Amino acid sequence: MIKVDTFVVGELDTNCYLVEDVDTKKLLVVDPGERSDELIAEIEKRGGKLEYILLTHGHFDHITFVKQLSDLFPSDICVCEDELKLISRGLYNLSVIRNFSVEQFEVTKKLCDGDTLDFGNSKIKFIHTPGHTAGGGCYIIDDNIFSGDTLFCESIGRSDFPTSNSLDIIRSVKMLSQLPGDYTVYTGHGEKTTMSHERKYNPYML
């Protein structure tokens, strides 16, 4: 079982998640888009060891704090292998529109669709969900999905950026809707939701 704490960071109100495996106290962070002193303090309070930094995709508002966070708490940085070009180029990760560059970092685990990672007594499953970006993906841990900017409450992510594809994101969302059972969905922006709610109210799943 996992415990999830949400930290809303940056000017675009990106959801950054601190996830703890309750039994083993192991920690990971999803999408550290901007510095959060509260996040740093909470990691230190819980022992100061971070196993993974999971990236749903490579836009600046989800990756800007990766290098600094991994320097503070050495950990494996994980992202879809198809997202590497986007992460390393300001035109693709959209940092150029904010007039700054993202400090580069080394991705230590390049993921493909269906890959799994051990996390305490849980498993992390990566699902490739292209559309918002070519290498966008979601992480499933127990009955929770960290969807990044693929799936929002009753909506989906934009598909008008470099490497985006509107048909792909609709396919990805429909694929998520077909996962058996129900899930709590932790989105990249906005409120969390559930898969049962989205199957009923999200127009892209109907």
N, C-alpha and C. Protein backbone atom coordinates (compact mmCIF):
# COMPACT_ATOMS: atom_id res chain seq x y z
N MET A 1 0.85 -1.20 0.00
CA MET A 1 0.00 0.00 0.00
C MET A 1 0.88 1.24 0.00
N ILE A 2 0.44 2.27 -0.70
CA ILE A 2 1.21 3.50 -0.77
C ILE A 2 0.46 4.67 -0.16
N LYS A 3 1.23 5.68 0.24
CA LYS A 3 0.69 6.95 0.73
C LYS A 3 1.17 8.03 -0.23
N VAL A 4 0.29 8.92 -0.64
CA VAL A 4 0.60 9.95 -1.63
C VAL A 4 0.39 11.33 -1.03
N ASP A 5 1.41 12.19 -1.12
CA ASP A 5 1.29 13.59 -0.74
C ASP A 5 1.51 14.45 -1.98
N THR A 6 0.70 15.49 -2.12
CA THR A 6 0.73 16.35 -3.29
C THR A 6 1.35 17.70 -2.95
N PHE A 7 2.24 18.15 -3.83
CA PHE A 7 2.85 19.47 -3.71
C PHE A 7 2.60 20.19 -5.04
N VAL A 8 1.87 21.30 -4.99
CA VAL A 8 1.56 22.06 -6.20
C VAL A 8 2.67 23.09 -6.39
N VAL A 9 3.37 23.00 -7.53
CA VAL A 9 4.59 23.79 -7.71
C VAL A 9 4.54 24.58 -9.02
N GLY A 10 5.26 25.72 -9.02
CA GLY A 10 5.47 26.49 -10.23
C GLY A 10 4.27 27.32 -10.66
N GLU A 11 4.52 28.14 -11.67
CA GLU A 11 3.48 29.06 -12.14
C GLU A 11 2.34 28.38 -12.86
N LEU A 12 2.54 27.14 -13.28
CA LEU A 12 1.47 26.40 -13.96
C LEU A 12 0.77 25.43 -13.01
N ASP A 13 1.04 25.55 -11.72
CA ASP A 13 0.38 24.71 -10.71
C ASP A 13 0.49 23.22 -11.06
N THR A 14 1.71 22.79 -11.24
CA THR A 14 1.97 21.39 -11.55
C THR A 14 1.89 20.55 -10.28
N ASN A 15 1.27 19.40 -10.37
CA ASN A 15 1.20 18.48 -9.25
C ASN A 15 2.47 17.63 -9.20
N CYS A 16 3.21 17.79 -8.12
CA CYS A 16 4.37 16.96 -7.83
C CYS A 16 3.99 16.05 -6.68
N TYR A 17 4.27 14.76 -6.80
CA TYR A 17 3.80 13.80 -5.82
C TYR A 17 4.97 13.14 -5.09
N LEU A 18 4.86 13.06 -3.77
CA LEU A 18 5.76 12.26 -2.95
C LEU A 18 5.00 10.99 -2.58
N VAL A 19 5.57 9.85 -2.96
CA VAL A 19 4.90 8.57 -2.76
C VAL A 19 5.75 7.73 -1.80
N GLU A 20 5.08 7.16 -0.80
CA GLU A 20 5.76 6.32 0.18
C GLU A 20 5.14 4.93 0.19
N ASP A 21 5.97 3.90 0.13
CA ASP A 21 5.49 2.56 0.38
C ASP A 21 5.34 2.42 1.90
N VAL A 22 4.12 2.24 2.36
CA VAL A 22 3.82 2.34 3.79
C VAL A 22 4.59 1.29 4.59
N ASP A 23 4.73 0.08 4.06
CA ASP A 23 5.36 -0.99 4.82
C ASP A 23 6.87 -0.81 4.96
N THR A 24 7.53 -0.38 3.89
CA THR A 24 8.99 -0.32 3.89
C THR A 24 9.54 1.09 4.05
N LYS A 25 8.66 2.10 3.97
CA LYS A 25 9.03 3.51 4.09
C LYS A 25 9.89 4.01 2.92
N LYS A 26 9.95 3.26 1.83
CA LYS A 26 10.68 3.73 0.66
C LYS A 26 9.91 4.87 0.00
N LEU A 27 10.66 5.77 -0.65
CA LEU A 27 10.07 6.99 -1.21
C LEU A 27 10.39 7.13 -2.69
N LEU A 28 9.48 7.78 -3.41
CA LEU A 28 9.74 8.23 -4.76
C LEU A 28 9.02 9.55 -4.98
N VAL A 29 9.44 10.28 -6.00
CA VAL A 29 8.80 11.54 -6.39
C VAL A 29 8.38 11.44 -7.85
N VAL A 30 7.19 11.93 -8.14
CA VAL A 30 6.68 12.01 -9.50
C VAL A 30 6.65 13.47 -9.94
N ASP A 31 7.32 13.78 -11.05
CA ASP A 31 7.26 15.08 -11.72
C ASP A 31 7.63 16.28 -10.84
N PRO A 32 8.89 16.37 -10.44
CA PRO A 32 9.33 17.56 -9.68
C PRO A 32 9.54 18.76 -10.62
N GLY A 33 8.47 19.49 -10.85
CA GLY A 33 8.49 20.53 -11.86
C GLY A 33 9.12 21.83 -11.43
N GLU A 34 9.21 22.06 -10.14
CA GLU A 34 9.79 23.30 -9.62
C GLU A 34 10.23 23.04 -8.19
N ARG A 35 11.17 23.83 -7.71
CA ARG A 35 11.66 23.64 -6.35
C ARG A 35 10.53 23.78 -5.34
N SER A 36 10.52 22.89 -4.36
CA SER A 36 9.57 22.96 -3.26
C SER A 36 10.32 22.67 -1.97
N ASP A 37 10.47 23.69 -1.15
CA ASP A 37 11.13 23.49 0.14
C ASP A 37 10.31 22.56 1.03
N GLU A 38 9.00 22.60 0.88
CA GLU A 38 8.14 21.70 1.66
C GLU A 38 8.40 20.24 1.27
N LEU A 39 8.58 19.98 -0.01
CA LEU A 39 8.89 18.63 -0.47
C LEU A 39 10.23 18.17 0.09
N ILE A 40 11.24 19.03 0.00
CA ILE A 40 12.56 18.69 0.53
C ILE A 40 12.48 18.37 2.02
N ALA A 41 11.78 19.21 2.76
CA ALA A 41 11.66 19.00 4.21
C ALA A 41 10.95 17.68 4.52
N GLU A 42 9.95 17.34 3.72
CA GLU A 42 9.20 16.10 3.98
C GLU A 42 10.06 14.87 3.68
N ILE A 43 10.86 14.94 2.62
CA ILE A 43 11.76 13.82 2.33
C ILE A 43 12.77 13.65 3.46
N GLU A 44 13.34 14.76 3.91
CA GLU A 44 14.30 14.69 5.02
C GLU A 44 13.65 14.15 6.28
N LYS A 45 12.43 14.58 6.55
CA LYS A 45 11.70 14.12 7.74
C LYS A 45 11.49 12.62 7.71
N ARG A 46 11.36 12.07 6.51
CA ARG A 46 11.10 10.63 6.37
C ARG A 46 12.37 9.82 6.12
N GLY A 47 13.52 10.39 6.39
CA GLY A 47 14.76 9.63 6.32
C GLY A 47 15.74 10.07 5.28
N GLY A 48 15.32 10.93 4.35
CA GLY A 48 16.25 11.53 3.40
C GLY A 48 16.74 10.62 2.30
N LYS A 49 16.04 9.51 2.06
CA LYS A 49 16.44 8.61 0.99
C LYS A 49 15.32 8.50 -0.04
N LEU A 50 15.69 8.69 -1.30
CA LEU A 50 14.73 8.68 -2.40
C LEU A 50 15.16 7.59 -3.38
N GLU A 51 14.23 6.69 -3.71
CA GLU A 51 14.59 5.59 -4.60
C GLU A 51 14.46 5.96 -6.07
N TYR A 52 13.36 6.64 -6.42
CA TYR A 52 13.10 6.98 -7.83
C TYR A 52 12.60 8.41 -7.96
N ILE A 53 12.91 9.00 -9.12
CA ILE A 53 12.20 10.17 -9.62
C ILE A 53 11.53 9.71 -10.92
N LEU A 54 10.21 9.67 -10.92
CA LEU A 54 9.45 9.21 -12.08
C LEU A 54 8.94 10.41 -12.86
N LEU A 55 9.20 10.42 -14.15
CA LEU A 55 8.76 11.52 -15.02
C LEU A 55 7.70 11.01 -15.98
N THR A 56 6.53 11.65 -15.95
CA THR A 56 5.47 11.27 -16.88
C THR A 56 5.76 11.76 -18.29
N HIS A 57 6.44 12.89 -18.39
CA HIS A 57 6.85 13.42 -19.69
C HIS A 57 7.87 14.54 -19.44
N GLY A 58 8.37 15.14 -20.53
CA GLY A 58 9.52 16.02 -20.40
C GLY A 58 9.28 17.50 -20.52
N HIS A 59 8.07 17.98 -20.38
CA HIS A 59 7.85 19.43 -20.42
C HIS A 59 8.46 20.09 -19.18
N PHE A 60 8.92 21.33 -19.38
CA PHE A 60 9.68 22.02 -18.33
C PHE A 60 8.96 22.07 -16.99
N ASP A 61 7.64 22.18 -17.03
CA ASP A 61 6.90 22.33 -15.77
C ASP A 61 6.78 21.02 -15.00
N HIS A 62 7.37 19.96 -15.56
CA HIS A 62 7.39 18.67 -14.86
C HIS A 62 8.81 18.20 -14.56
N ILE A 63 9.84 18.90 -15.06
CA ILE A 63 11.21 18.38 -14.92
C ILE A 63 12.22 19.40 -14.40
N THR A 64 11.82 20.65 -14.19
CA THR A 64 12.80 21.70 -13.89
C THR A 64 13.60 21.42 -12.62
N PHE A 65 13.01 20.75 -11.64
CA PHE A 65 13.69 20.52 -10.37
C PHE A 65 14.36 19.14 -10.29
N VAL A 66 14.39 18.41 -11.39
CA VAL A 66 14.94 17.05 -11.35
C VAL A 66 16.41 17.04 -10.96
N LYS A 67 17.22 17.85 -11.62
CA LYS A 67 18.66 17.83 -11.37
C LYS A 67 18.96 18.18 -9.92
N GLN A 68 18.37 19.24 -9.43
CA GLN A 68 18.64 19.67 -8.05
C GLN A 68 18.14 18.63 -7.05
N LEU A 69 16.97 18.05 -7.31
CA LEU A 69 16.42 17.05 -6.39
C LEU A 69 17.30 15.81 -6.35
N SER A 70 17.76 15.37 -7.52
CA SER A 70 18.60 14.17 -7.56
C SER A 70 19.97 14.43 -6.96
N ASP A 71 20.44 15.68 -7.01
CA ASP A 71 21.70 16.02 -6.33
C ASP A 71 21.53 15.96 -4.82
N LEU A 72 20.38 16.42 -4.33
CA LEU A 72 20.10 16.38 -2.90
C LEU A 72 19.86 14.95 -2.40
N PHE A 73 19.13 14.18 -3.21
CA PHE A 73 18.74 12.83 -2.82
C PHE A 73 19.01 11.90 -4.01
N PRO A 74 20.22 11.34 -4.10
CA PRO A 74 20.56 10.48 -5.24
C PRO A 74 19.53 9.37 -5.45
N SER A 75 19.08 9.25 -6.69
CA SER A 75 17.99 8.32 -6.99
C SER A 75 18.00 8.01 -8.47
N ASP A 76 17.31 6.95 -8.87
CA ASP A 76 17.16 6.63 -10.29
C ASP A 76 16.13 7.56 -10.91
N ILE A 77 16.51 8.14 -12.05
CA ILE A 77 15.61 9.02 -12.80
C ILE A 77 15.03 8.21 -13.95
N CYS A 78 13.71 8.12 -14.01
CA CYS A 78 13.03 7.20 -14.92
C CYS A 78 12.10 7.96 -15.86
N VAL A 79 12.16 7.61 -17.13
CA VAL A 79 11.26 8.21 -18.12
C VAL A 79 11.26 7.31 -19.35
N CYS A 80 10.24 7.45 -20.16
CA CYS A 80 10.16 6.69 -21.41
C CYS A 80 11.35 7.04 -22.31
N GLU A 81 11.92 6.02 -22.94
CA GLU A 81 13.07 6.25 -23.80
C GLU A 81 12.73 7.17 -24.98
N ASP A 82 11.46 7.23 -25.37
CA ASP A 82 11.05 8.09 -26.48
C ASP A 82 10.99 9.57 -26.10
N GLU A 83 11.22 9.87 -24.82
CA GLU A 83 11.10 11.25 -24.35
C GLU A 83 12.46 11.94 -24.20
N LEU A 84 13.55 11.25 -24.47
CA LEU A 84 14.88 11.79 -24.20
C LEU A 84 15.18 13.03 -25.03
N LYS A 85 14.77 13.02 -26.29
CA LYS A 85 15.02 14.19 -27.14
C LYS A 85 14.29 15.41 -26.62
N LEU A 86 13.08 15.21 -26.16
CA LEU A 86 12.28 16.33 -25.67
C LEU A 86 12.89 16.93 -24.40
N ILE A 87 13.36 16.08 -23.52
CA ILE A 87 13.94 16.55 -22.27
C ILE A 87 15.16 17.42 -22.50
N SER A 88 15.97 17.08 -23.47
CA SER A 88 17.26 17.74 -23.65
C SER A 88 17.21 18.98 -24.53
N ARG A 89 16.07 19.30 -25.12
CA ARG A 89 15.99 20.43 -26.04
C ARG A 89 14.93 21.44 -25.59
N GLY A 90 15.37 22.67 -25.38
CA GLY A 90 14.48 23.70 -24.88
C GLY A 90 13.29 23.98 -25.77
N LEU A 91 13.46 23.84 -27.08
CA LEU A 91 12.35 24.07 -28.00
C LEU A 91 11.27 23.02 -27.81
N TYR A 92 11.69 21.81 -27.49
CA TYR A 92 10.74 20.71 -27.32
C TYR A 92 10.14 20.68 -25.92
N ASN A 93 10.96 20.94 -24.90
CA ASN A 93 10.42 20.89 -23.54
C ASN A 93 9.74 22.20 -23.13
N LEU A 94 9.72 23.17 -24.05
CA LEU A 94 9.00 24.44 -23.91
C LEU A 94 9.64 25.42 -22.93
N SER A 95 10.84 25.13 -22.45
CA SER A 95 11.50 26.06 -21.53
C SER A 95 11.87 27.36 -22.24
N VAL A 96 12.07 27.32 -23.55
CA VAL A 96 12.44 28.54 -24.27
C VAL A 96 11.34 29.59 -24.22
N ILE A 97 10.09 29.15 -24.07
CA ILE A 97 9.02 30.14 -24.01
C ILE A 97 9.01 30.88 -22.68
N ARG A 98 9.73 30.34 -21.70
CA ARG A 98 9.88 31.00 -20.39
C ARG A 98 11.23 31.69 -20.26
N ASN A 99 12.01 31.65 -21.35
CA ASN A 99 13.31 32.33 -21.36
C ASN A 99 14.31 31.76 -20.36
N PHE A 100 14.30 30.45 -20.17
CA PHE A 100 15.31 29.83 -19.33
C PHE A 100 15.59 28.44 -19.87
N SER A 101 16.62 27.81 -19.38
CA SER A 101 16.95 26.45 -19.79
C SER A 101 16.86 25.52 -18.59
N VAL A 102 16.43 24.31 -18.85
CA VAL A 102 16.35 23.29 -17.81
C VAL A 102 17.74 22.71 -17.59
N GLU A 103 18.17 22.66 -16.32
CA GLU A 103 19.47 22.07 -16.01
C GLU A 103 19.42 20.58 -16.36
N GLN A 104 20.38 20.15 -17.19
CA GLN A 104 20.35 18.80 -17.71
C GLN A 104 20.67 17.77 -16.64
N PHE A 105 20.10 16.58 -16.80
CA PHE A 105 20.29 15.49 -15.86
C PHE A 105 20.40 14.19 -16.65
N GLU A 106 20.93 13.18 -16.00
CA GLU A 106 21.10 11.88 -16.64
C GLU A 106 19.94 10.96 -16.29
N VAL A 107 19.26 10.49 -17.31
CA VAL A 107 18.20 9.50 -17.11
C VAL A 107 18.87 8.15 -16.89
N THR A 108 18.63 7.55 -15.74
CA THR A 108 19.30 6.29 -15.42
C THR A 108 18.47 5.06 -15.76
N LYS A 109 17.16 5.23 -15.92
CA LYS A 109 16.29 4.12 -16.33
C LYS A 109 15.40 4.59 -17.47
N LYS A 110 15.69 4.08 -18.66
CA LYS A 110 14.91 4.41 -19.86
C LYS A 110 13.84 3.34 -20.03
N LEU A 111 12.59 3.74 -19.94
CA LEU A 111 11.49 2.79 -19.85
C LEU A 111 10.80 2.57 -21.19
N CYS A 112 10.28 1.37 -21.35
CA CYS A 112 9.43 1.00 -22.48
C CYS A 112 8.08 0.55 -21.94
N ASP A 113 7.09 0.55 -22.81
CA ASP A 113 5.75 0.17 -22.41
C ASP A 113 5.74 -1.20 -21.73
N GLY A 114 5.13 -1.25 -20.55
CA GLY A 114 5.02 -2.50 -19.82
C GLY A 114 6.15 -2.78 -18.84
N ASP A 115 7.18 -1.97 -18.83
CA ASP A 115 8.29 -2.18 -17.90
C ASP A 115 7.80 -2.04 -16.46
N THR A 116 8.43 -2.78 -15.55
CA THR A 116 8.08 -2.70 -14.14
C THR A 116 9.31 -2.40 -13.30
N LEU A 117 9.08 -1.78 -12.17
CA LEU A 117 10.12 -1.46 -11.20
C LEU A 117 9.66 -1.93 -9.83
N ASP A 118 10.60 -2.42 -9.03
CA ASP A 118 10.28 -2.79 -7.66
C ASP A 118 10.25 -1.53 -6.80
N PHE A 119 9.27 -1.47 -5.91
CA PHE A 119 9.17 -0.34 -4.99
C PHE A 119 8.61 -0.85 -3.67
N GLY A 120 9.52 -1.18 -2.76
CA GLY A 120 9.09 -1.75 -1.50
C GLY A 120 8.30 -3.02 -1.74
N ASN A 121 7.11 -3.10 -1.16
CA ASN A 121 6.24 -4.26 -1.36
C ASN A 121 5.30 -4.08 -2.54
N SER A 122 5.48 -3.01 -3.30
CA SER A 122 4.64 -2.74 -4.46
C SER A 122 5.46 -2.86 -5.74
N LYS A 123 4.76 -2.84 -6.84
CA LYS A 123 5.37 -2.80 -8.16
C LYS A 123 4.91 -1.53 -8.87
N ILE A 124 5.82 -0.94 -9.62
CA ILE A 124 5.49 0.19 -10.48
C ILE A 124 5.43 -0.34 -11.91
N LYS A 125 4.34 -0.08 -12.59
CA LYS A 125 4.23 -0.45 -14.01
C LYS A 125 4.15 0.80 -14.85
N PHE A 126 4.99 0.87 -15.87
CA PHE A 126 4.98 2.01 -16.79
C PHE A 126 4.14 1.66 -18.01
N ILE A 127 3.24 2.56 -18.36
CA ILE A 127 2.42 2.41 -19.57
C ILE A 127 2.70 3.59 -20.49
N HIS A 128 3.13 3.31 -21.69
CA HIS A 128 3.38 4.37 -22.68
C HIS A 128 2.05 4.90 -23.18
N THR A 129 1.82 6.21 -22.99
CA THR A 129 0.57 6.83 -23.42
C THR A 129 0.88 8.08 -24.25
N PRO A 130 1.33 7.90 -25.48
CA PRO A 130 1.70 9.05 -26.32
C PRO A 130 0.50 9.91 -26.66
N GLY A 131 0.78 11.14 -27.04
CA GLY A 131 -0.27 12.07 -27.46
C GLY A 131 0.02 13.47 -27.00
N HIS A 132 0.10 13.68 -25.69
CA HIS A 132 0.52 14.99 -25.19
C HIS A 132 1.98 15.23 -25.60
N THR A 133 2.79 14.21 -25.47
CA THR A 133 4.14 14.15 -26.06
C THR A 133 4.34 12.74 -26.58
N ALA A 134 5.37 12.57 -27.43
CA ALA A 134 5.60 11.26 -28.04
C ALA A 134 5.98 10.20 -27.03
N GLY A 135 6.67 10.61 -25.97
CA GLY A 135 7.11 9.65 -24.97
C GLY A 135 6.38 9.76 -23.65
N GLY A 136 5.23 10.37 -23.66
CA GLY A 136 4.46 10.50 -22.43
C GLY A 136 4.03 9.14 -21.89
N GLY A 137 3.88 9.06 -20.58
CA GLY A 137 3.47 7.79 -20.01
C GLY A 137 2.82 7.96 -18.65
N CYS A 138 2.24 6.87 -18.19
CA CYS A 138 1.59 6.82 -16.88
C CYS A 138 2.25 5.73 -16.04
N TYR A 139 2.19 5.90 -14.73
CA TYR A 139 2.73 4.92 -13.80
C TYR A 139 1.60 4.36 -12.96
N ILE A 140 1.51 3.04 -12.91
CA ILE A 140 0.53 2.37 -12.08
C ILE A 140 1.23 1.78 -10.86
N ILE A 141 0.76 2.14 -9.67
CA ILE A 141 1.24 1.57 -8.43
C ILE A 141 0.02 1.13 -7.63
N ASP A 142 -0.11 -0.17 -7.42
CA ASP A 142 -1.30 -0.72 -6.77
C ASP A 142 -2.55 -0.26 -7.54
N ASP A 143 -3.48 0.39 -6.88
CA ASP A 143 -4.70 0.84 -7.57
C ASP A 143 -4.67 2.35 -7.80
N ASN A 144 -3.48 2.86 -8.13
CA ASN A 144 -3.28 4.28 -8.38
C ASN A 144 -2.58 4.47 -9.72
N ILE A 145 -2.99 5.51 -10.44
CA ILE A 145 -2.35 5.87 -11.70
C ILE A 145 -1.88 7.31 -11.61
N PHE A 146 -0.61 7.53 -11.95
CA PHE A 146 -0.05 8.87 -12.06
C PHE A 146 -0.02 9.19 -13.56
N SER A 147 -0.95 10.05 -13.97
CA SER A 147 -1.25 10.19 -15.40
C SER A 147 -0.56 11.37 -16.08
N GLY A 148 0.17 12.19 -15.32
CA GLY A 148 0.81 13.34 -15.95
C GLY A 148 -0.21 14.20 -16.67
N ASP A 149 0.12 14.60 -17.90
CA ASP A 149 -0.79 15.43 -18.68
C ASP A 149 -1.51 14.64 -19.75
N THR A 150 -1.58 13.32 -19.58
CA THR A 150 -2.37 12.51 -20.51
C THR A 150 -3.85 12.60 -20.16
N LEU A 151 -4.17 12.37 -18.90
CA LEU A 151 -5.57 12.33 -18.47
C LEU A 151 -5.80 13.30 -17.32
N PHE A 152 -6.79 14.15 -17.46
CA PHE A 152 -7.23 15.05 -16.40
C PHE A 152 -8.66 14.68 -16.00
N CYS A 153 -9.13 15.30 -14.94
CA CYS A 153 -10.52 15.10 -14.54
C CYS A 153 -11.45 15.61 -15.64
N GLU A 154 -12.17 14.68 -16.27
CA GLU A 154 -13.14 14.97 -17.34
C GLU A 154 -12.50 15.66 -18.55
N SER A 155 -11.20 15.47 -18.74
CA SER A 155 -10.53 16.08 -19.89
C SER A 155 -9.24 15.32 -20.20
N ILE A 156 -8.50 15.83 -21.18
CA ILE A 156 -7.21 15.25 -21.55
C ILE A 156 -6.22 16.39 -21.78
N GLY A 157 -4.95 16.02 -21.93
CA GLY A 157 -3.92 17.02 -22.16
C GLY A 157 -3.95 17.62 -23.55
N ARG A 158 -3.29 18.76 -23.68
CA ARG A 158 -3.20 19.42 -24.98
C ARG A 158 -2.38 18.58 -25.97
N SER A 159 -2.67 18.78 -27.24
CA SER A 159 -1.94 18.03 -28.28
C SER A 159 -1.48 18.95 -29.40
N ASP A 160 -1.09 20.18 -29.02
CA ASP A 160 -0.64 21.16 -30.01
C ASP A 160 0.81 21.59 -29.76
N PHE A 161 1.59 20.72 -29.11
CA PHE A 161 2.99 21.00 -28.83
C PHE A 161 3.89 20.16 -29.72
N PRO A 162 5.19 20.48 -29.77
CA PRO A 162 6.12 19.60 -30.49
C PRO A 162 6.04 18.17 -29.97
N THR A 163 5.96 17.22 -30.86
CA THR A 163 5.82 15.77 -30.67
C THR A 163 4.43 15.35 -30.22
N SER A 164 3.49 16.31 -30.07
CA SER A 164 2.11 15.94 -29.71
C SER A 164 1.39 15.33 -30.90
N ASN A 165 0.32 14.59 -30.60
CA ASN A 165 -0.51 14.02 -31.66
C ASN A 165 -1.92 13.81 -31.09
N SER A 166 -2.90 14.48 -31.68
CA SER A 166 -4.25 14.46 -31.12
C SER A 166 -4.89 13.08 -31.22
N LEU A 167 -4.63 12.36 -32.30
CA LEU A 167 -5.20 11.02 -32.42
C LEU A 167 -4.58 10.07 -31.40
N ASP A 168 -3.27 10.23 -31.18
CA ASP A 168 -2.59 9.36 -30.22
C ASP A 168 -3.12 9.55 -28.80
N ILE A 169 -3.35 10.80 -28.40
CA ILE A 169 -3.79 10.99 -27.01
C ILE A 169 -5.19 10.43 -26.80
N ILE A 170 -6.04 10.51 -27.79
CA ILE A 170 -7.37 9.92 -27.66
C ILE A 170 -7.26 8.40 -27.57
N ARG A 171 -6.38 7.81 -28.38
CA ARG A 171 -6.16 6.35 -28.28
C ARG A 171 -5.63 5.97 -26.91
N SER A 172 -4.70 6.79 -26.40
CA SER A 172 -4.12 6.49 -25.09
C SER A 172 -5.15 6.54 -23.98
N VAL A 173 -6.01 7.55 -24.02
CA VAL A 173 -7.03 7.70 -22.98
C VAL A 173 -8.04 6.56 -23.07
N LYS A 174 -8.41 6.18 -24.26
CA LYS A 174 -9.34 5.05 -24.41
C LYS A 174 -8.71 3.76 -23.91
N MET A 175 -7.40 3.61 -24.14
CA MET A 175 -6.70 2.43 -23.63
C MET A 175 -6.72 2.41 -22.11
N LEU A 176 -6.49 3.56 -21.48
CA LEU A 176 -6.56 3.62 -20.02
C LEU A 176 -7.94 3.26 -19.51
N SER A 177 -8.97 3.68 -20.24
CA SER A 177 -10.35 3.41 -19.81
C SER A 177 -10.65 1.92 -19.80
N GLN A 178 -9.88 1.16 -20.56
CA GLN A 178 -10.14 -0.28 -20.66
C GLN A 178 -9.37 -1.10 -19.62
N LEU A 179 -8.58 -0.44 -18.79
CA LEU A 179 -7.90 -1.17 -17.72
C LEU A 179 -8.94 -1.75 -16.77
N PRO A 180 -8.79 -2.98 -16.37
CA PRO A 180 -9.79 -3.58 -15.49
C PRO A 180 -9.76 -2.97 -14.10
N GLY A 181 -10.91 -2.86 -13.50
CA GLY A 181 -11.00 -2.35 -12.14
C GLY A 181 -11.03 -0.84 -12.08
N ASP A 182 -10.95 -0.33 -10.86
CA ASP A 182 -10.97 1.11 -10.65
C ASP A 182 -9.62 1.57 -10.12
N TYR A 183 -9.32 2.83 -10.36
CA TYR A 183 -8.05 3.42 -9.94
C TYR A 183 -8.30 4.83 -9.45
N THR A 184 -7.50 5.27 -8.49
CA THR A 184 -7.38 6.69 -8.20
C THR A 184 -6.39 7.27 -9.20
N VAL A 185 -6.77 8.37 -9.83
CA VAL A 185 -5.93 8.97 -10.87
C VAL A 185 -5.35 10.27 -10.35
N TYR A 186 -4.03 10.32 -10.23
CA TYR A 186 -3.32 11.51 -9.81
C TYR A 186 -2.81 12.21 -11.07
N THR A 187 -3.38 13.36 -11.35
CA THR A 187 -3.15 14.05 -12.62
C THR A 187 -2.00 15.06 -12.51
N GLY A 188 -1.53 15.50 -13.68
CA GLY A 188 -0.42 16.45 -13.72
C GLY A 188 -0.80 17.85 -13.29
N HIS A 189 -2.06 18.19 -13.43
CA HIS A 189 -2.60 19.49 -13.00
C HIS A 189 -4.02 19.26 -12.54
N GLY A 190 -4.46 20.05 -11.56
CA GLY A 190 -5.84 19.95 -11.11
C GLY A 190 -6.07 18.85 -10.10
N GLU A 191 -7.34 18.58 -9.86
CA GLU A 191 -7.74 17.64 -8.82
C GLU A 191 -7.56 16.19 -9.27
N LYS A 192 -7.32 15.33 -8.30
CA LYS A 192 -7.29 13.90 -8.61
C LYS A 192 -8.70 13.44 -8.96
N THR A 193 -8.78 12.27 -9.57
CA THR A 193 -10.07 11.74 -9.98
C THR A 193 -10.02 10.22 -9.84
N THR A 194 -11.01 9.55 -10.37
CA THR A 194 -11.00 8.09 -10.38
C THR A 194 -11.31 7.62 -11.79
N MET A 195 -10.87 6.41 -12.10
CA MET A 195 -11.14 5.90 -13.42
C MET A 195 -12.62 5.65 -13.63
N SER A 196 -13.33 5.24 -12.60
CA SER A 196 -14.77 5.02 -12.75
C SER A 196 -15.48 6.33 -13.07
N HIS A 197 -15.05 7.42 -12.45
CA HIS A 197 -15.63 8.73 -12.76
C HIS A 197 -15.34 9.11 -14.20
N GLU A 198 -14.11 8.90 -14.65
CA GLU A 198 -13.74 9.30 -16.01
C GLU A 198 -14.47 8.46 -17.05
N ARG A 199 -14.64 7.19 -16.78
CA ARG A 199 -15.37 6.35 -17.74
C ARG A 199 -16.80 6.85 -17.93
N LYS A 200 -17.32 7.47 -16.89
CA LYS A 200 -18.72 7.94 -16.94
C LYS A 200 -18.85 9.35 -17.48
N TYR A 201 -17.86 10.22 -17.20
CA TYR A 201 -18.03 11.65 -17.49
C TYR A 201 -17.00 12.25 -18.47
N ASN A 202 -15.91 11.54 -18.73
CA ASN A 202 -14.90 12.11 -19.62
C ASN A 202 -15.34 11.89 -21.08
N PRO A 203 -15.58 12.97 -21.83
CA PRO A 203 -16.09 12.80 -23.20
C PRO A 203 -15.14 12.04 -24.12
N TYR A 204 -13.86 12.01 -23.77
CA TYR A 204 -12.88 11.30 -24.63
C TYR A 204 -12.84 9.81 -24.36
N MET A 205 -13.57 9.38 -23.35
CA MET A 205 -13.66 7.95 -23.07
C MET A 205 -14.99 7.36 -23.50
N LEU A 206 -15.90 8.20 -23.92
CA LEU A 206 -17.24 7.71 -24.26
C LEU A 206 -17.28 7.13 -25.66
